[in-house]
PDB file of N, CA and C in Angstrom:
ATOM      1  N   MET A   1     118.856 122.475  79.381  1.00  0.00           N
ATOM      2  CA  MET A   1     119.646 121.346  79.853  1.00  0.00           C
ATOM      3  C   MET A   1     119.346 121.135  81.329  1.00  0.00           C
ATOM      4  N   PRO A   2     119.005 119.907  81.722  1.00  0.00           N
ATOM      5  CA  PRO A   2     118.700 119.631  83.127  1.00  0.00           C
ATOM      6  C   PRO A   2     119.956 119.737  83.996  1.00  0.00           C
ATOM      7  N   ALA A   3     119.731 119.879  85.279  1.00  0.00           N
ATOM      8  CA  ALA A   3     120.849 119.950  86.223  1.00  0.00           C
ATOM      9  C   ALA A   3     121.639 118.644  86.190  1.00  0.00           C
ATOM     10  N   GLN A   4     122.927 118.738  86.430  1.00  0.00           N
ATOM     11  CA  GLN A   4     123.810 117.565  86.424  1.00  0.00           C
ATOM     12  C   GLN A   4     123.438 116.622  87.571  1.00  0.00           C
ATOM     13  N   LEU A   5     123.378 115.348  87.282  1.00  0.00           N
ATOM     14  CA  LEU A   5     123.109 114.338  88.301  1.00  0.00           C
ATOM     15  C   LEU A   5     124.300 114.254  89.252  1.00  0.00           C
ATOM     16  N   THR A   6     124.027 114.291  90.534  1.00  0.00           N
ATOM     17  CA  THR A   6     125.115 114.254  91.503  1.00  0.00           C
ATOM     18  C   THR A   6     125.198 112.897  92.182  1.00  0.00           C
ATOM     19  N   ARG A   7     126.311 112.678  92.809  1.00  0.00           N
ATOM     20  CA  ARG A   7     126.530 111.451  93.583  1.00  0.00           C
ATOM     21  C   ARG A   7     125.497 111.358  94.709  1.00  0.00           C
ATOM     22  N   ALA A   8     125.161 112.513  95.302  1.00  0.00           N
ATOM     23  CA  ALA A   8     124.161 112.543  96.378  1.00  0.00           C
ATOM     24  C   ALA A   8     122.788 112.126  95.862  1.00  0.00           C
ATOM     25  N   ASP A   9     122.446 112.510  94.621  1.00  0.00           N
ATOM     26  CA  ASP A   9     121.172 112.104  94.026  1.00  0.00           C
ATOM     27  C   ASP A   9     121.107 110.579  93.893  1.00  0.00           C
ATOM     28  N   VAL A  10     122.183 109.999  93.388  1.00  0.00           N
ATOM     29  CA  VAL A  10     122.229 108.545  93.193  1.00  0.00           C
ATOM     30  C   VAL A  10     122.198 107.833  94.545  1.00  0.00           C
ATOM     31  N   LEU A  11     122.881 108.365  95.517  1.00  0.00           N
ATOM     32  CA  LEU A  11     122.877 107.777  96.857  1.00  0.00           C
ATOM     33  C   LEU A  11     121.478 107.795  97.450  1.00  0.00           C
ATOM     34  N   LYS A  12     120.750 108.888  97.246  1.00  0.00           N
ATOM     35  CA  LYS A  12     119.380 108.987  97.756  1.00  0.00           C
ATOM     36  C   LYS A  12     118.479 107.939  97.105  1.00  0.00           C
ATOM     37  N   VAL A  13     118.587 107.807  95.785  1.00  0.00           N
ATOM     38  CA  VAL A  13     117.775 106.813  95.073  1.00  0.00           C
ATOM     39  C   VAL A  13     118.158 105.407  95.523  1.00  0.00           C
ATOM     40  N   ALA A  14     119.442 105.147  95.723  1.00  0.00           N
ATOM     41  CA  ALA A  14     119.893 103.831  96.185  1.00  0.00           C
ATOM     42  C   ALA A  14     119.309 103.528  97.561  1.00  0.00           C
ATOM     43  N   ARG A  15     119.305 104.508  98.425  1.00  0.00           N
ATOM     44  CA  ARG A  15     118.723 104.291  99.762  1.00  0.00           C
ATOM     45  C   ARG A  15     117.231 104.003  99.668  1.00  0.00           C
ATOM     46  N   LEU A  16     116.516 104.758  98.824  1.00  0.00           N
ATOM     47  CA  LEU A  16     115.080 104.530  98.652  1.00  0.00           C
ATOM     48  C   LEU A  16     114.796 103.135  98.101  1.00  0.00           C
ATOM     49  N   ALA A  17     115.703 102.650  97.249  1.00  0.00           N
ATOM     50  CA  ALA A  17     115.556 101.314  96.668  1.00  0.00           C
ATOM     51  C   ALA A  17     116.152 100.237  97.566  1.00  0.00           C
ATOM     52  N   ARG A  18     116.675 100.653  98.725  1.00  0.00           N
ATOM     53  CA  ARG A  18     117.296  99.742  99.678  1.00  0.00           C
ATOM     54  C   ARG A  18     118.467  98.985  99.052  1.00  0.00           C
ATOM     55  N   LEU A  19     119.282  99.736  98.271  1.00  0.00           N
ATOM     56  CA  LEU A  19     120.474  99.170  97.661  1.00  0.00           C
ATOM     57  C   LEU A  19     121.695  99.640  98.428  1.00  0.00           C
ATOM     58  N   LYS A  20     122.608  98.726  98.685  1.00  0.00           N
ATOM     59  CA  LYS A  20     123.876  99.085  99.306  1.00  0.00           C
ATOM     60  C   LYS A  20     124.927  99.083  98.214  1.00  0.00           C
ATOM     61  N   LEU A  21     125.405 100.275  97.858  1.00  0.00           N
ATOM     62  CA  LEU A  21     126.390 100.407  96.795  1.00  0.00           C
ATOM     63  C   LEU A  21     127.741 100.766  97.392  1.00  0.00           C
ATOM     64  N   THR A  22     128.778 100.165  96.838  1.00  0.00           N
ATOM     65  CA  THR A  22     130.135 100.550  97.232  1.00  0.00           C
ATOM     66  C   THR A  22     130.433 101.912  96.617  1.00  0.00           C
ATOM     67  N   ASP A  23     131.520 102.543  97.056  1.00  0.00           N
ATOM     68  CA  ASP A  23     131.900 103.836  96.485  1.00  0.00           C
ATOM     69  C   ASP A  23     132.141 103.729  94.982  1.00  0.00           C
ATOM     70  N   ALA A  24     132.752 102.639  94.550  1.00  0.00           N
ATOM     71  CA  ALA A  24     133.014 102.442  93.120  1.00  0.00           C
ATOM     72  C   ALA A  24     131.706 102.279  92.345  1.00  0.00           C
ATOM     73  N   GLU A  25     130.778 101.492  92.903  1.00  0.00           N
ATOM     74  CA  GLU A  25     129.478 101.308  92.247  1.00  0.00           C
ATOM     75  C   GLU A  25     128.705 102.617  92.202  1.00  0.00           C
ATOM     76  N   LEU A  26     128.786 103.384  93.273  1.00  0.00           N
ATOM     77  CA  LEU A  26     128.098 104.669  93.335  1.00  0.00           C
ATOM     78  C   LEU A  26     128.626 105.613  92.259  1.00  0.00           C
ATOM     79  N   ASP A  27     129.958 105.681  92.114  1.00  0.00           N
ATOM     80  CA  ASP A  27     130.551 106.527  91.081  1.00  0.00           C
ATOM     81  C   ASP A  27     130.160 106.050  89.687  1.00  0.00           C
ATOM     82  N   ASP A  28     130.183 104.730  89.469  1.00  0.00           N
ATOM     83  CA  ASP A  28     129.830 104.151  88.177  1.00  0.00           C
ATOM     84  C   ASP A  28     128.369 104.442  87.837  1.00  0.00           C
ATOM     85  N   CYS A  29     127.481 104.259  88.814  1.00  0.00           N
ATOM     86  CA  CYS A  29     126.055 104.517  88.581  1.00  0.00           C
ATOM     87  C   CYS A  29     125.796 105.992  88.316  1.00  0.00           C
ATOM     88  N   THR A  30     126.521 106.865  88.985  1.00  0.00           N
ATOM     89  CA  THR A  30     126.350 108.300  88.773  1.00  0.00           C
ATOM     90  C   THR A  30     126.674 108.661  87.327  1.00  0.00           C
ATOM     91  N   VAL A  31     127.763 108.124  86.819  1.00  0.00           N
ATOM     92  CA  VAL A  31     128.156 108.407  85.429  1.00  0.00           C
ATOM     93  C   VAL A  31     127.137 107.813  84.457  1.00  0.00           C
ATOM     94  N   LYS A  32     126.805 106.553  84.645  1.00  0.00           N
ATOM     95  CA  LYS A  32     125.894 105.878  83.708  1.00  0.00           C
ATOM     96  C   LYS A  32     124.493 106.470  83.737  1.00  0.00           C
ATOM     97  N   LEU A  33     123.956 106.723  84.926  1.00  0.00           N
ATOM     98  CA  LEU A  33     122.616 107.309  85.011  1.00  0.00           C
ATOM     99  C   LEU A  33     122.612 108.735  84.463  1.00  0.00           C
ATOM    100  N   GLY A  34     123.710 109.463  84.660  1.00  0.00           N
ATOM    101  CA  GLY A  34     123.818 110.801  84.086  1.00  0.00           C
ATOM    102  C   GLY A  34     123.739 110.774  82.575  1.00  0.00           C
ATOM    103  N   LYS A  35     124.412 109.792  81.956  1.00  0.00           N
ATOM    104  CA  LYS A  35     124.368 109.654  80.502  1.00  0.00           C
ATOM    105  C   LYS A  35     122.962 109.309  80.022  1.00  0.00           C
ATOM    106  N   ILE A  36     122.271 108.446  80.766  1.00  0.00           N
ATOM    107  CA  ILE A  36     120.899 108.076  80.405  1.00  0.00           C
ATOM    108  C   ILE A  36     119.996 109.299  80.475  1.00  0.00           C
ATOM    109  N   LEU A  37     120.108 110.077  81.542  1.00  0.00           N
ATOM    110  CA  LEU A  37     119.283 111.270  81.687  1.00  0.00           C
ATOM    111  C   LEU A  37     119.597 112.309  80.615  1.00  0.00           C
ATOM    112  N   ASP A  38     120.862 112.441  80.240  1.00  0.00           N
ATOM    113  CA  ASP A  38     121.232 113.358  79.158  1.00  0.00           C
ATOM    114  C   ASP A  38     120.596 112.925  77.844  1.00  0.00           C
ATOM    115  N   TYR A  39     120.591 111.624  77.582  1.00  0.00           N
ATOM    116  CA  TYR A  39     119.981 111.118  76.349  1.00  0.00           C
ATOM    117  C   TYR A  39     118.480 111.387  76.347  1.00  0.00           C
ATOM    118  N   VAL A  40     117.816 111.102  77.456  1.00  0.00           N
ATOM    119  CA  VAL A  40     116.371 111.337  77.545  1.00  0.00           C
ATOM    120  C   VAL A  40     116.075 112.819  77.360  1.00  0.00           C
ATOM    121  N   ALA A  41     116.899 113.691  77.936  1.00  0.00           N
ATOM    122  CA  ALA A  41     116.715 115.137  77.764  1.00  0.00           C
ATOM    123  C   ALA A  41     116.870 115.535  76.304  1.00  0.00           C
ATOM    124  N   SER A  42     117.765 114.868  75.578  1.00  0.00           N
ATOM    125  CA  SER A  42     117.964 115.200  74.159  1.00  0.00           C
ATOM    126  C   SER A  42     116.723 114.870  73.332  1.00  0.00           C
ATOM    127  N   LEU A  43     115.899 113.946  73.800  1.00  0.00           N
ATOM    128  CA  LEU A  43     114.665 113.605  73.082  1.00  0.00           C
ATOM    129  C   LEU A  43     113.685 114.771  73.084  1.00  0.00           C
ATOM    130  N   ASN A  44     113.802 115.683  74.051  1.00  0.00           N
ATOM    131  CA  ASN A  44     112.921 116.856  74.093  1.00  0.00           C
ATOM    132  C   ASN A  44     113.185 117.806  72.933  1.00  0.00           C
ATOM    133  N   GLU A  45     114.306 117.670  72.256  1.00  0.00           N
ATOM    134  CA  GLU A  45     114.649 118.540  71.138  1.00  0.00           C
ATOM    135  C   GLU A  45     113.951 118.120  69.846  1.00  0.00           C
ATOM    136  N   ILE A  46     113.357 116.931  69.830  1.00  0.00           N
ATOM    137  CA  ILE A  46     112.701 116.418  68.629  1.00  0.00           C
ATOM    138  C   ILE A  46     111.341 117.091  68.475  1.00  0.00           C
ATOM    139  N   ASN A  47     111.036 117.548  67.260  1.00  0.00           N
ATOM    140  CA  ASN A  47     109.763 118.178  66.976  1.00  0.00           C
ATOM    141  C   ASN A  47     108.691 117.097  66.824  1.00  0.00           C
ATOM    142  N   THR A  48     107.726 117.090  67.712  1.00  0.00           N
ATOM    143  CA  THR A  48     106.652 116.090  67.679  1.00  0.00           C
ATOM    144  C   THR A  48     105.290 116.741  67.448  1.00  0.00           C
ATOM    145  N   ASP A  49     105.284 117.964  66.895  1.00  0.00           N
ATOM    146  CA  ASP A  49     104.018 118.680  66.683  1.00  0.00           C
ATOM    147  C   ASP A  49     103.066 117.909  65.773  1.00  0.00           C
ATOM    148  N   GLU A  50     103.592 117.209  64.784  1.00  0.00           N
ATOM    149  CA  GLU A  50     102.750 116.492  63.817  1.00  0.00           C
ATOM    150  C   GLU A  50     102.491 115.035  64.218  1.00  0.00           C
ATOM    151  N   VAL A  51     102.968 114.614  65.378  1.00  0.00           N
ATOM    152  CA  VAL A  51     102.825 113.219  65.797  1.00  0.00           C
ATOM    153  C   VAL A  51     101.600 113.079  66.690  1.00  0.00           C
ATOM    154  N   GLU A  52     100.731 112.155  66.316  1.00  0.00           N
ATOM    155  CA  GLU A  52      99.520 111.924  67.099  1.00  0.00           C
ATOM    156  C   GLU A  52      99.869 111.101  68.347  1.00  0.00           C
ATOM    157  N   PRO A  53      99.385 111.519  69.524  1.00  0.00           N
ATOM    158  CA  PRO A  53      99.670 110.754  70.747  1.00  0.00           C
ATOM    159  C   PRO A  53      99.107 109.340  70.657  1.00  0.00           C
ATOM    160  N   MET A  54      99.817 108.388  71.261  1.00  0.00           N
ATOM    161  CA  MET A  54      99.358 107.008  71.259  1.00  0.00           C
ATOM    162  C   MET A  54      99.658 106.366  72.607  1.00  0.00           C
ATOM    163  N   VAL A  55      98.902 105.355  72.931  1.00  0.00           N
ATOM    164  CA  VAL A  55      99.090 104.653  74.191  1.00  0.00           C
ATOM    165  C   VAL A  55     100.256 103.675  74.084  1.00  0.00           C
ATOM    166  N   HIS A  56     100.346 102.975  72.957  1.00  0.00           N
ATOM    167  CA  HIS A  56     101.407 101.994  72.725  1.00  0.00           C
ATOM    168  C   HIS A  56     102.052 102.266  71.381  1.00  0.00           C
ATOM    169  N   ALA A  57     103.288 101.896  71.242  1.00  0.00           N
ATOM    170  CA  ALA A  57     104.007 102.114  69.990  1.00  0.00           C
ATOM    171  C   ALA A  57     103.533 101.182  68.882  1.00  0.00           C
ATOM    172  N   VAL A  58     102.980 100.040  69.258  1.00  0.00           N
ATOM    173  CA  VAL A  58     102.462  99.092  68.277  1.00  0.00           C
ATOM    174  C   VAL A  58     101.039  98.720  68.655  1.00  0.00           C
ATOM    175  N   GLU A  59     100.273  98.299  67.662  1.00  0.00           N
ATOM    176  CA  GLU A  59      98.890  97.889  67.906  1.00  0.00           C
ATOM    177  C   GLU A  59      98.862  96.650  68.793  1.00  0.00           C
ATOM    178  N   LEU A  60      98.021  96.664  69.804  1.00  0.00           N
ATOM    179  CA  LEU A  60      97.921  95.524  70.711  1.00  0.00           C
ATOM    180  C   LEU A  60      96.530  94.920  70.644  1.00  0.00           C
ATOM    181  N   SER A  61      96.443  93.626  70.881  1.00  0.00           N
ATOM    182  CA  SER A  61      95.144  92.979  71.011  1.00  0.00           C
ATOM    183  C   SER A  61      95.213  92.050  72.212  1.00  0.00           C
ATOM    184  N   ASN A  62      94.097  91.890  72.874  1.00  0.00           N
ATOM    185  CA  ASN A  62      94.029  91.062  74.076  1.00  0.00           C
ATOM    186  C   ASN A  62      94.075  89.591  73.673  1.00  0.00           C
ATOM    187  N   VAL A  63      95.049  88.858  74.219  1.00  0.00           N
ATOM    188  CA  VAL A  63      95.187  87.446  73.891  1.00  0.00           C
ATOM    189  C   VAL A  63      94.795  86.557  75.075  1.00  0.00           C
ATOM    190  N   PHE A  64      94.155  87.149  76.059  1.00  0.00           N
ATOM    191  CA  PHE A  64      93.771  86.390  77.238  1.00  0.00           C
ATOM    192  C   PHE A  64      92.444  85.679  77.014  1.00  0.00           C
ATOM    193  N   ARG A  65      92.238  84.632  77.756  1.00  0.00           N
ATOM    194  CA  ARG A  65      90.972  83.911  77.670  1.00  0.00           C
ATOM    195  C   ARG A  65      89.895  84.721  78.378  1.00  0.00           C
ATOM    196  N   ASP A  66      88.649  84.398  78.118  1.00  0.00           N
ATOM    197  CA  ASP A  66      87.539  85.048  78.811  1.00  0.00           C
ATOM    198  C   ASP A  66      87.544  84.653  80.276  1.00  0.00           C
ATOM    199  N   ASP A  67      87.136  85.579  81.130  1.00  0.00           N
ATOM    200  CA  ASP A  67      86.993  85.256  82.542  1.00  0.00           C
ATOM    201  C   ASP A  67      85.819  84.302  82.709  1.00  0.00           C
ATOM    202  N   ALA A  68      86.033  83.288  83.478  1.00  0.00           N
ATOM    203  CA  ALA A  68      84.961  82.334  83.756  1.00  0.00           C
ATOM    204  C   ALA A  68      85.057  81.929  85.219  1.00  0.00           C
ATOM    205  N   VAL A  69      83.917  81.840  85.868  1.00  0.00           N
ATOM    206  CA  VAL A  69      83.889  81.437  87.268  1.00  0.00           C
ATOM    207  C   VAL A  69      84.254  79.960  87.343  1.00  0.00           C
ATOM    208  N   GLN A  70      85.247  79.646  88.181  1.00  0.00           N
ATOM    209  CA  GLN A  70      85.691  78.279  88.377  1.00  0.00           C
ATOM    210  C   GLN A  70      85.903  78.063  89.863  1.00  0.00           C
ATOM    211  N   PRO A  71      85.891  76.823  90.301  1.00  0.00           N
ATOM    212  CA  PRO A  71      86.126  76.575  91.729  1.00  0.00           C
ATOM    213  C   PRO A  71      87.525  77.026  92.138  1.00  0.00           C
ATOM    214  N   SER A  72      87.620  77.567  93.333  1.00  0.00           N
ATOM    215  CA  SER A  72      88.912  78.014  93.851  1.00  0.00           C
ATOM    216  C   SER A  72      89.733  76.821  94.324  1.00  0.00           C
ATOM    217  N   LEU A  73      91.043  77.036  94.412  1.00  0.00           N
ATOM    218  CA  LEU A  73      91.945  76.039  94.958  1.00  0.00           C
ATOM    219  C   LEU A  73      91.665  75.917  96.454  1.00  0.00           C
ATOM    220  N   PRO A  74      91.512  74.709  96.970  1.00  0.00           N
ATOM    221  CA  PRO A  74      91.267  74.578  98.415  1.00  0.00           C
ATOM    222  C   PRO A  74      92.439  75.155  99.213  1.00  0.00           C
ATOM    223  N   GLN A  75      92.143  75.733 100.364  1.00  0.00           N
ATOM    224  CA  GLN A  75      93.153  76.387 101.183  1.00  0.00           C
ATOM    225  C   GLN A  75      94.286  75.424 101.545  1.00  0.00           C
ATOM    226  N   THR A  76      93.973  74.206 101.880  1.00  0.00           N
ATOM    227  CA  THR A  76      95.016  73.243 102.248  1.00  0.00           C
ATOM    228  C   THR A  76      95.947  72.960 101.070  1.00  0.00           C
ATOM    229  N   ALA A  77      95.398  72.898  99.860  1.00  0.00           N
ATOM    230  CA  ALA A  77      96.219  72.656  98.673  1.00  0.00           C
ATOM    231  C   ALA A  77      97.103  73.876  98.379  1.00  0.00           C
ATOM    232  N   ALA A  78      96.568  75.083  98.582  1.00  0.00           N
ATOM    233  CA  ALA A  78      97.330  76.300  98.346  1.00  0.00           C
ATOM    234  C   ALA A  78      98.504  76.400  99.313  1.00  0.00           C
ATOM    235  N   LEU A  79      98.314  75.964 100.549  1.00  0.00           N
ATOM    236  CA  LEU A  79      99.351  76.056 101.572  1.00  0.00           C
ATOM    237  C   LEU A  79     100.273  74.837 101.600  1.00  0.00           C
ATOM    238  N   ALA A  80      99.971  73.814 100.805  1.00  0.00           N
ATOM    239  CA  ALA A  80     100.710  72.557 100.872  1.00  0.00           C
ATOM    240  C   ALA A  80     102.208  72.728 100.606  1.00  0.00           C
ATOM    241  N   ASN A  81     102.595  73.562  99.674  1.00  0.00           N
ATOM    242  CA  ASN A  81     104.004  73.731  99.338  1.00  0.00           C
ATOM    243  C   ASN A  81     104.620  74.985  99.941  1.00  0.00           C
ATOM    244  N   ALA A  82     103.893  75.642 100.839  1.00  0.00           N
ATOM    245  CA  ALA A  82     104.421  76.855 101.462  1.00  0.00           C
ATOM    246  C   ALA A  82     105.585  76.499 102.382  1.00  0.00           C
ATOM    247  N   PRO A  83     106.687  77.276 102.322  1.00  0.00           N
ATOM    248  CA  PRO A  83     107.793  77.011 103.240  1.00  0.00           C
ATOM    249  C   PRO A  83     107.358  77.121 104.697  1.00  0.00           C
ATOM    250  N   LYS A  84     106.493  78.099 104.982  1.00  0.00           N
ATOM    251  CA  LYS A  84     105.973  78.269 106.341  1.00  0.00           C
ATOM    252  C   LYS A  84     104.518  78.715 106.256  1.00  0.00           C
ATOM    253  N   SER A  85     103.696  78.158 107.099  1.00  0.00           N
ATOM    254  CA  SER A  85     102.306  78.598 107.203  1.00  0.00           C
ATOM    255  C   SER A  85     101.827  78.288 108.611  1.00  0.00           C
ATOM    256  N   ASP A  86     100.722  78.909 108.974  1.00  0.00           N
ATOM    257  CA  ASP A  86     100.145  78.617 110.277  1.00  0.00           C
ATOM    258  C   ASP A  86      98.872  77.788 110.122  1.00  0.00           C
ATOM    259  N   GLY A  87      98.689  77.223 108.927  1.00  0.00           N
ATOM    260  CA  GLY A  87      97.497  76.426 108.658  1.00  0.00           C
ATOM    261  C   GLY A  87      96.401  77.240 107.994  1.00  0.00           C
ATOM    262  N   ARG A  88      96.469  78.554 108.140  1.00  0.00           N
ATOM    263  CA  ARG A  88      95.473  79.426 107.511  1.00  0.00           C
ATOM    264  C   ARG A  88      96.104  80.410 106.537  1.00  0.00           C
ATOM    265  N   PHE A  89      97.347  80.847 106.824  1.00  0.00           N
ATOM    266  CA  PHE A  89      97.993  81.885 106.043  1.00  0.00           C
ATOM    267  C   PHE A  89      99.439  81.500 105.736  1.00  0.00           C
ATOM    268  N   PHE A  90      99.992  82.108 104.673  1.00  0.00           N
ATOM    269  CA  PHE A  90     101.417  82.004 104.403  1.00  0.00           C
ATOM    270  C   PHE A  90     102.146  82.834 105.447  1.00  0.00           C
ATOM    271  N   LEU A  91     103.255  82.351 105.962  1.00  0.00           N
ATOM    272  CA  LEU A  91     104.089  83.119 106.874  1.00  0.00           C
ATOM    273  C   LEU A  91     105.339  83.533 106.119  1.00  0.00           C
ATOM    274  N   VAL A  92     105.598  84.840 106.109  1.00  0.00           N
ATOM    275  CA  VAL A  92     106.749  85.372 105.388  1.00  0.00           C
ATOM    276  C   VAL A  92     107.555  86.253 106.325  1.00  0.00           C
ATOM    277  N   PRO A  93     108.855  86.404 106.061  1.00  0.00           N
ATOM    278  CA  PRO A  93     109.670  87.266 106.933  1.00  0.00           C
ATOM    279  C   PRO A  93     109.284  88.732 106.757  1.00  0.00           C
ATOM    280  N   GLN A  94     109.408  89.477 107.839  1.00  0.00           N
ATOM    281  CA  GLN A  94     109.143  90.917 107.783  1.00  0.00           C
ATOM    282  C   GLN A  94     110.270  91.587 107.002  1.00  0.00           C
ATOM    283  N   ILE A  95     109.896  92.429 106.033  1.00  0.00           N
ATOM    284  CA  ILE A  95     110.928  93.085 105.220  1.00  0.00           C
ATOM    285  C   ILE A  95     110.982  94.582 105.426  1.00  0.00           C
ATOM    286  N   LEU A  96     109.965  95.163 106.024  1.00  0.00           N
ATOM    287  CA  LEU A  96     109.949  96.593 106.262  1.00  0.00           C
ATOM    288  C   LEU A  96     110.205  96.874 107.731  1.00  0.00           C
ATOM    289  N   GLU A  97     111.050  97.841 107.996  1.00  0.00           N
ATOM    290  CA  GLU A  97     111.354  98.178 109.371  1.00  0.00           C
ATOM    291  C   GLU A  97     110.149  98.855 110.009  1.00  0.00           C
ATOM    292  N   GLY A  98     109.897  98.533 111.261  1.00  0.00           N
ATOM    293  CA  GLY A  98     108.837  99.190 112.014  1.00  0.00           C
ATOM    294  C   GLY A  98     107.439  98.783 111.592  1.00  0.00           C
ATOM    295  N   ALA A  99     107.299  97.730 110.812  1.00  0.00           N
ATOM    296  CA  ALA A  99     105.967  97.304 110.376  1.00  0.00           C
ATOM    297  C   ALA A  99     105.415  96.266 111.330  1.00  0.00           C
TER     298      ALA A  99
END
């Protein structure tokens, strides 16, 4: 049985995800995520010795078109609907501290 999920664990993950959780949300997430982890741990009890490993649960086929060289969108057309640009690049707000 894995170690019990703690409030501090959830707080750490919330900080890494840049989520601001209230105390009530933090307590709720701790309980719910703990239940999810307990369920996933219970899957380890299933005998899978006779099960062949697979990449996907169902057969997949590629439904994409073939790659073909085509003319690129002109830079002015690409920037035409941008909220902000400097004429050459999209301008976006900085989201990471110290970057």
